[in-house]
PDB file of all heavy atoms in Angstrom:
ATOM      1  N   PRO A   1       8.376 -16.938  -6.859  1.00  0.00           N
ATOM      2  CA  PRO A   1       7.707 -16.034  -5.900  1.00  0.00           C
ATOM      3  C   PRO A   1       7.509 -14.682  -6.582  1.00  0.00           C
ATOM      4  O   PRO A   1       8.374 -14.279  -7.172  1.00  0.00           O
ATOM      5  CB  PRO A   1       8.317 -16.126  -4.692  1.00  0.00           C
ATOM      6  CG  PRO A   1       9.807 -16.440  -4.997  1.00  0.00           C
ATOM      7  CD  PRO A   1       9.571 -17.330  -6.257  1.00  0.00           C
ATOM      8  N   PHE A   2       6.402 -13.979  -6.386  1.00  0.00           N
ATOM      9  CA  PHE A   2       6.167 -12.671  -6.724  1.00  0.00           C
ATOM     10  C   PHE A   2       5.792 -11.782  -5.609  1.00  0.00           C
ATOM     11  O   PHE A   2       5.108 -12.245  -4.652  1.00  0.00           O
ATOM     12  CB  PHE A   2       5.055 -12.398  -7.735  1.00  0.00           C
ATOM     13  CG  PHE A   2       5.345 -13.169  -9.129  1.00  0.00           C
ATOM     14  CD1 PHE A   2       5.059 -14.465  -9.327  1.00  0.00           C
ATOM     15  CD2 PHE A   2       5.878 -12.373 -10.104  1.00  0.00           C
ATOM     16  CE1 PHE A   2       5.250 -15.037 -10.452  1.00  0.00           C
ATOM     17  CE2 PHE A   2       6.164 -13.083 -11.313  1.00  0.00           C
ATOM     18  CZ  PHE A   2       5.907 -14.319 -11.611  1.00  0.00           C
ATOM     19  N   ASP A   3       6.388 -10.634  -5.475  1.00  0.00           N
ATOM     20  CA  ASP A   3       6.341  -9.878  -4.230  1.00  0.00           C
ATOM     21  C   ASP A   3       5.334  -8.687  -4.325  1.00  0.00           C
ATOM     22  O   ASP A   3       5.280  -7.832  -3.375  1.00  0.00           O
ATOM     23  CB  ASP A   3       7.716  -9.213  -3.845  1.00  0.00           C
ATOM     24  CG  ASP A   3       8.281  -8.287  -4.900  1.00  0.00           C
ATOM     25  OD1 ASP A   3       7.567  -8.037  -5.938  1.00  0.00           O
ATOM     26  OD2 ASP A   3       9.482  -7.781  -4.809  1.00  0.00           O
ATOM     27  N   ASN A   4       4.502  -8.611  -5.400  1.00  0.00           N
ATOM     28  CA  ASN A   4       3.487  -7.508  -5.450  1.00  0.00           C
ATOM     29  C   ASN A   4       2.068  -8.047  -5.387  1.00  0.00           C
ATOM     30  O   ASN A   4       1.158  -7.389  -5.782  1.00  0.00           O
ATOM     31  CB  ASN A   4       3.757  -6.864  -6.755  1.00  0.00           C
ATOM     32  CG  ASN A   4       3.462  -7.725  -8.000  1.00  0.00           C
ATOM     33  OD1 ASN A   4       3.545  -8.993  -7.828  1.00  0.00           O
ATOM     34  ND2 ASN A   4       3.283  -7.261  -9.286  1.00  0.00           N
ATOM     35  N   GLU A   5       1.875  -9.224  -4.809  1.00  0.00           N
ATOM     36  CA  GLU A   5       0.516  -9.728  -4.706  1.00  0.00           C
ATOM     37  C   GLU A   5      -0.236  -9.129  -3.469  1.00  0.00           C
ATOM     38  O   GLU A   5       0.359  -8.773  -2.383  1.00  0.00           O
ATOM     39  CB  GLU A   5       0.593 -11.252  -4.523  1.00  0.00           C
ATOM     40  CG  GLU A   5       1.045 -11.869  -5.813  1.00  0.00           C
ATOM     41  CD  GLU A   5       1.406 -13.476  -5.689  1.00  0.00           C
ATOM     42  OE1 GLU A   5       1.164 -13.934  -4.514  1.00  0.00           O
ATOM     43  OE2 GLU A   5       1.698 -14.093  -6.731  1.00  0.00           O
ATOM     44  N   LEU A   6      -1.485  -9.065  -3.606  1.00  0.00           N
ATOM     45  CA  LEU A   6      -2.359  -8.539  -2.440  1.00  0.00           C
ATOM     46  C   LEU A   6      -2.120  -9.438  -1.245  1.00  0.00           C
ATOM     47  O   LEU A   6      -2.009 -10.623  -1.391  1.00  0.00           O
ATOM     48  CB  LEU A   6      -3.835  -8.548  -2.825  1.00  0.00           C
ATOM     49  CG  LEU A   6      -4.291  -7.655  -3.975  1.00  0.00           C
ATOM     50  CD1 LEU A   6      -5.751  -7.751  -4.169  1.00  0.00           C
ATOM     51  CD2 LEU A   6      -3.957  -6.166  -3.516  1.00  0.00           C
ATOM     52  N   THR A   7      -1.982  -8.844  -0.113  1.00  0.00           N
ATOM     53  CA  THR A   7      -1.836  -9.554   1.061  1.00  0.00           C
ATOM     54  C   THR A   7      -3.173 -10.251   1.501  1.00  0.00           C
ATOM     55  O   THR A   7      -4.189  -9.939   0.996  1.00  0.00           O
ATOM     56  CB  THR A   7      -1.406  -8.732   2.271  1.00  0.00           C
ATOM     57  OG1 THR A   7      -2.365  -7.726   2.581  1.00  0.00           O
ATOM     58  CG2 THR A   7      -0.060  -7.923   1.829  1.00  0.00           C
ATOM     59  N   THR A   8      -3.034 -11.123   2.599  1.00  0.00           N
ATOM     60  CA  THR A   8      -4.320 -11.675   3.088  1.00  0.00           C
ATOM     61  C   THR A   8      -5.352 -10.666   3.614  1.00  0.00           C
ATOM     62  O   THR A   8      -6.465 -10.646   3.380  1.00  0.00           O
ATOM     63  CB  THR A   8      -3.950 -12.674   4.259  1.00  0.00           C
ATOM     64  OG1 THR A   8      -3.069 -13.688   3.824  1.00  0.00           O
ATOM     65  CG2 THR A   8      -5.253 -13.393   4.755  1.00  0.00           C
ATOM     66  N   ASP A   9      -4.775  -9.574   4.368  1.00  0.00           N
ATOM     67  CA  ASP A   9      -5.663  -8.588   4.851  1.00  0.00           C
ATOM     68  C   ASP A   9      -6.194  -7.763   3.640  1.00  0.00           C
ATOM     69  O   ASP A   9      -7.357  -7.403   3.758  1.00  0.00           O
ATOM     70  CB  ASP A   9      -4.877  -7.620   5.815  1.00  0.00           C
ATOM     71  CG  ASP A   9      -4.565  -8.220   7.094  1.00  0.00           C
ATOM     72  OD1 ASP A   9      -5.202  -9.324   7.425  1.00  0.00           O
ATOM     73  OD2 ASP A   9      -3.611  -7.783   7.900  1.00  0.00           O
ATOM     74  N   GLN A  10      -5.425  -7.452   2.652  1.00  0.00           N
ATOM     75  CA  GLN A  10      -5.984  -6.582   1.622  1.00  0.00           C
ATOM     76  C   GLN A  10      -6.915  -7.524   0.729  1.00  0.00           C
ATOM     77  O   GLN A  10      -8.015  -6.916   0.298  1.00  0.00           O
ATOM     78  CB  GLN A  10      -4.852  -6.335   0.608  1.00  0.00           C
ATOM     79  CG  GLN A  10      -3.874  -5.232   1.124  1.00  0.00           C
ATOM     80  CD  GLN A  10      -2.643  -4.993   0.370  1.00  0.00           C
ATOM     81  OE1 GLN A  10      -2.112  -5.935  -0.312  1.00  0.00           O
ATOM     82  NE2 GLN A  10      -2.179  -3.775   0.399  1.00  0.00           N
ATOM     83  N   GLY A  11      -6.767  -8.867   0.721  1.00  0.00           N
ATOM     84  CA  GLY A  11      -7.775  -9.723   0.163  1.00  0.00           C
ATOM     85  C   GLY A  11      -9.070  -9.716   0.878  1.00  0.00           C
ATOM     86  O   GLY A  11     -10.153  -9.660   0.348  1.00  0.00           O
ATOM     87  N   ARG A  12      -9.019  -9.658   2.204  1.00  0.00           N
ATOM     88  CA  ARG A  12     -10.265  -9.564   3.073  1.00  0.00           C
ATOM     89  C   ARG A  12     -10.998  -8.250   2.764  1.00  0.00           C
ATOM     90  O   ARG A  12     -12.259  -8.253   2.703  1.00  0.00           O
ATOM     91  CB  ARG A  12      -9.885  -9.747   4.577  1.00  0.00           C
ATOM     92  CG  ARG A  12      -9.546 -11.090   5.001  1.00  0.00           C
ATOM     93  CD  ARG A  12      -9.085 -11.136   6.460  1.00  0.00           C
ATOM     94  NE  ARG A  12      -8.894 -12.450   7.000  1.00  0.00           N
ATOM     95  CZ  ARG A  12      -9.861 -13.045   7.700  1.00  0.00           C
ATOM     96  NH1 ARG A  12     -11.010 -12.470   7.945  1.00  0.00           N
ATOM     97  NH2 ARG A  12      -9.665 -14.251   8.199  1.00  0.00           N
ATOM     98  N   GLU A  13     -10.210  -7.209   2.652  1.00  0.00           N
ATOM     99  CA  GLU A  13     -10.867  -5.932   2.386  1.00  0.00           C
ATOM    100  C   GLU A  13     -11.548  -5.937   1.024  1.00  0.00           C
ATOM    101  O   GLU A  13     -12.587  -5.274   0.791  1.00  0.00           O
ATOM    102  CB  GLU A  13      -9.834  -4.774   2.387  1.00  0.00           C
ATOM    103  CG  GLU A  13      -9.250  -4.626   3.766  1.00  0.00           C
ATOM    104  CD  GLU A  13      -8.096  -3.503   3.686  1.00  0.00           C
ATOM    105  OE1 GLU A  13      -7.799  -2.972   2.671  1.00  0.00           O
ATOM    106  OE2 GLU A  13      -7.483  -3.278   4.708  1.00  0.00           O
ATOM    107  N   LEU A  14     -10.907  -6.670   0.073  1.00  0.00           N
ATOM    108  CA  LEU A  14     -11.524  -6.762  -1.305  1.00  0.00           C
ATOM    109  C   LEU A  14     -12.847  -7.550  -1.149  1.00  0.00           C
ATOM    110  O   LEU A  14     -13.855  -7.167  -1.781  1.00  0.00           O
ATOM    111  CB  LEU A  14     -10.558  -7.482  -2.134  1.00  0.00           C
ATOM    112  CG  LEU A  14     -11.063  -7.845  -3.619  1.00  0.00           C
ATOM    113  CD1 LEU A  14     -11.450  -6.620  -4.440  1.00  0.00           C
ATOM    114  CD2 LEU A  14      -9.988  -8.783  -4.347  1.00  0.00           C
ATOM    115  N   ILE A  15     -12.824  -8.552  -0.440  1.00  0.00           N
ATOM    116  CA  ILE A  15     -13.962  -9.389  -0.341  1.00  0.00           C
ATOM    117  C   ILE A  15     -15.081  -8.658   0.432  1.00  0.00           C
ATOM    118  O   ILE A  15     -16.341  -8.725   0.092  1.00  0.00           O
ATOM    119  CB  ILE A  15     -13.751 -10.780   0.389  1.00  0.00           C
ATOM    120  CG1 ILE A  15     -12.781 -11.684  -0.435  1.00  0.00           C
ATOM    121  CG2 ILE A  15     -14.942 -11.520   0.928  1.00  0.00           C
ATOM    122  CD1 ILE A  15     -12.070 -12.758   0.271  1.00  0.00           C
ATOM    123  N   ASP A  16     -14.745  -7.917   1.474  1.00  0.00           N
ATOM    124  CA  ASP A  16     -15.789  -7.126   2.219  1.00  0.00           C
ATOM    125  C   ASP A  16     -16.518  -6.120   1.250  1.00  0.00           C
ATOM    126  O   ASP A  16     -17.652  -5.910   1.174  1.00  0.00           O
ATOM    127  CB  ASP A  16     -14.965  -6.303   3.225  1.00  0.00           C
ATOM    128  CG  ASP A  16     -14.714  -7.031   4.485  1.00  0.00           C
ATOM    129  OD1 ASP A  16     -15.269  -8.116   4.713  1.00  0.00           O
ATOM    130  OD2 ASP A  16     -13.812  -6.579   5.262  1.00  0.00           O
ATOM    131  N   ASP A  17     -15.729  -5.542   0.325  1.00  0.00           N
ATOM    132  CA  ASP A  17     -16.213  -4.511  -0.605  1.00  0.00           C
ATOM    133  C   ASP A  17     -17.133  -5.291  -1.673  1.00  0.00           C
ATOM    134  O   ASP A  17     -18.222  -4.774  -1.931  1.00  0.00           O
ATOM    135  CB  ASP A  17     -15.133  -3.874  -1.341  1.00  0.00           C
ATOM    136  CG  ASP A  17     -15.583  -2.890  -2.442  1.00  0.00           C
ATOM    137  OD1 ASP A  17     -16.443  -2.027  -2.137  1.00  0.00           O
ATOM    138  OD2 ASP A  17     -15.189  -2.972  -3.538  1.00  0.00           O
ATOM    139  N   LEU A  18     -16.717  -6.395  -2.194  1.00  0.00           N
ATOM    140  CA  LEU A  18     -17.449  -7.110  -3.120  1.00  0.00           C
ATOM    141  C   LEU A  18     -18.732  -7.620  -2.640  1.00  0.00           C
ATOM    142  O   LEU A  18     -19.805  -7.514  -3.250  1.00  0.00           O
ATOM    143  CB  LEU A  18     -16.547  -8.273  -3.719  1.00  0.00           C
ATOM    144  CG  LEU A  18     -15.351  -7.834  -4.612  1.00  0.00           C
ATOM    145  CD1 LEU A  18     -14.617  -9.089  -4.916  1.00  0.00           C
ATOM    146  CD2 LEU A  18     -15.777  -7.133  -5.831  1.00  0.00           C
ATOM    147  N   ALA A  19     -18.711  -8.177  -1.443  1.00  0.00           N
ATOM    148  CA  ALA A  19     -19.930  -8.731  -0.769  1.00  0.00           C
ATOM    149  C   ALA A  19     -20.940  -7.480  -0.590  1.00  0.00           C
ATOM    150  O   ALA A  19     -22.183  -7.776  -0.824  1.00  0.00           O
ATOM    151  CB  ALA A  19     -19.607  -9.349   0.586  1.00  0.00           C
ATOM    152  N   ALA A  20     -20.475  -6.381  -0.055  1.00  0.00           N
ATOM    153  CA  ALA A  20     -21.308  -5.231   0.154  1.00  0.00           C
ATOM    154  C   ALA A  20     -21.841  -4.685  -1.171  1.00  0.00           C
ATOM    155  O   ALA A  20     -22.972  -4.193  -1.260  1.00  0.00           O
ATOM    156  CB  ALA A  20     -20.630  -4.111   0.819  1.00  0.00           C
ATOM    157  N   PHE A  21     -21.034  -4.912  -2.220  1.00  0.00           N
ATOM    158  CA  PHE A  21     -21.428  -4.375  -3.572  1.00  0.00           C
ATOM    159  C   PHE A  21     -22.535  -5.295  -4.269  1.00  0.00           C
ATOM    160  O   PHE A  21     -23.278  -4.868  -5.174  1.00  0.00           O
ATOM    161  CB  PHE A  21     -20.271  -4.269  -4.444  1.00  0.00           C
ATOM    162  CG  PHE A  21     -20.363  -3.678  -5.731  1.00  0.00           C
ATOM    163  CD1 PHE A  21     -21.001  -2.532  -6.004  1.00  0.00           C
ATOM    164  CD2 PHE A  21     -19.856  -4.270  -6.992  1.00  0.00           C
ATOM    165  CE1 PHE A  21     -21.243  -1.888  -7.275  1.00  0.00           C
ATOM    166  CE2 PHE A  21     -20.046  -3.757  -8.207  1.00  0.00           C
ATOM    167  CZ  PHE A  21     -20.657  -2.547  -8.409  1.00  0.00           C
ATOM    168  N   GLY A  22     -22.584  -6.532  -3.706  1.00  0.00           N
ATOM    169  CA  GLY A  22     -23.539  -7.402  -4.296  1.00  0.00           C
ATOM    170  C   GLY A  22     -23.016  -8.442  -5.304  1.00  0.00           C
ATOM    171  O   GLY A  22     -23.753  -9.067  -6.023  1.00  0.00           O
ATOM    172  N   SER A  23     -21.736  -8.490  -5.498  1.00  0.00           N
ATOM    173  CA  SER A  23     -21.067  -9.368  -6.356  1.00  0.00           C
ATOM    174  C   SER A  23     -21.464 -10.801  -5.929  1.00  0.00           C
ATOM    175  O   SER A  23     -21.189 -11.191  -4.763  1.00  0.00           O
ATOM    176  CB  SER A  23     -19.591  -9.310  -6.469  1.00  0.00           C
ATOM    177  OG  SER A  23     -19.259  -7.986  -7.089  1.00  0.00           O
ATOM    178  N   PRO A  24     -22.095 -11.671  -6.750  1.00  0.00           N
ATOM    179  CA  PRO A  24     -22.512 -12.977  -6.240  1.00  0.00           C
ATOM    180  C   PRO A  24     -21.524 -14.005  -6.188  1.00  0.00           C
ATOM    181  O   PRO A  24     -21.659 -14.929  -5.340  1.00  0.00           O
ATOM    182  CB  PRO A  24     -23.572 -13.428  -7.306  1.00  0.00           C
ATOM    183  CG  PRO A  24     -23.080 -12.700  -8.542  1.00  0.00           C
ATOM    184  CD  PRO A  24     -22.464 -11.343  -8.092  1.00  0.00           C
ATOM    185  N   VAL A  25     -20.456 -13.914  -6.976  1.00  0.00           N
ATOM    186  CA  VAL A  25     -19.375 -15.025  -7.115  1.00  0.00           C
ATOM    187  C   VAL A  25     -17.927 -14.455  -7.082  1.00  0.00           C
ATOM    188  O   VAL A  25     -17.789 -13.443  -7.702  1.00  0.00           O
ATOM    189  CB  VAL A  25     -19.617 -15.849  -8.356  1.00  0.00           C
ATOM    190  CG1 VAL A  25     -18.522 -16.898  -8.478  1.00  0.00           C
ATOM    191  CG2 VAL A  25     -21.019 -16.445  -8.419  1.00  0.00           C
ATOM    192  N   MET A  26     -17.125 -15.072  -6.209  1.00  0.00           N
ATOM    193  CA  MET A  26     -15.680 -14.843  -6.262  1.00  0.00           C
ATOM    194  C   MET A  26     -15.038 -16.108  -6.858  1.00  0.00           C
ATOM    195  O   MET A  26     -15.155 -17.179  -6.301  1.00  0.00           O
ATOM    196  CB  MET A  26     -15.122 -14.548  -4.867  1.00  0.00           C
ATOM    197  CG  MET A  26     -13.641 -14.530  -4.793  1.00  0.00           C
ATOM    198  SD  MET A  26     -12.989 -13.101  -5.658  1.00  0.00           S
ATOM    199  CE  MET A  26     -12.989 -11.907  -4.337  1.00  0.00           C
ATOM    200  N   LEU A  27     -14.433 -15.812  -8.078  1.00  0.00           N
ATOM    201  CA  LEU A  27     -13.725 -16.955  -8.745  1.00  0.00           C
ATOM    202  C   LEU A  27     -12.213 -16.789  -8.443  1.00  0.00           C
ATOM    203  O   LEU A  27     -11.605 -15.878  -8.980  1.00  0.00           O
ATOM    204  CB  LEU A  27     -14.007 -16.964 -10.243  1.00  0.00           C
ATOM    205  CG  LEU A  27     -13.638 -18.218 -10.971  1.00  0.00           C
ATOM    206  CD1 LEU A  27     -14.457 -18.101 -12.339  1.00  0.00           C
ATOM    207  CD2 LEU A  27     -12.170 -18.266 -11.284  1.00  0.00           C
ATOM    208  N   PHE A  28     -11.711 -17.672  -7.724  1.00  0.00           N
ATOM    209  CA  PHE A  28     -10.301 -17.551  -7.370  1.00  0.00           C
ATOM    210  C   PHE A  28      -9.469 -18.322  -8.505  1.00  0.00           C
ATOM    211  O   PHE A  28      -9.690 -19.545  -8.791  1.00  0.00           O
ATOM    212  CB  PHE A  28      -9.875 -18.262  -6.031  1.00  0.00           C
ATOM    213  CG  PHE A  28     -10.607 -17.510  -4.844  1.00  0.00           C
ATOM    214  CD1 PHE A  28     -11.810 -17.835  -4.411  1.00  0.00           C
ATOM    215  CD2 PHE A  28      -9.811 -16.602  -4.290  1.00  0.00           C
ATOM    216  CE1 PHE A  28     -12.310 -17.272  -3.438  1.00  0.00           C
ATOM    217  CE2 PHE A  28     -10.447 -15.872  -3.126  1.00  0.00           C
ATOM    218  CZ  PHE A  28     -11.628 -16.235  -2.662  1.00  0.00           C
ATOM    219  N   SER A  29      -8.578 -17.602  -9.027  1.00  0.00           N
ATOM    220  CA  SER A  29      -7.854 -18.097 -10.205  1.00  0.00           C
ATOM    221  C   SER A  29      -6.326 -17.682  -9.947  1.00  0.00           C
ATOM    222  O   SER A  29      -5.891 -17.233  -8.974  1.00  0.00           O
ATOM    223  CB  SER A  29      -8.442 -17.651 -11.553  1.00  0.00           C
ATOM    224  OG  SER A  29      -7.863 -18.204 -12.662  1.00  0.00           O
TER     225      SER A  29
END
């Protein structure tokens, strides 16, 4: 386990920003 990963809420904020920015694809890796 790593303790410095973005949380679920921070991930949602990231997605909100990317969607508004017009990024067409989110590749989860």
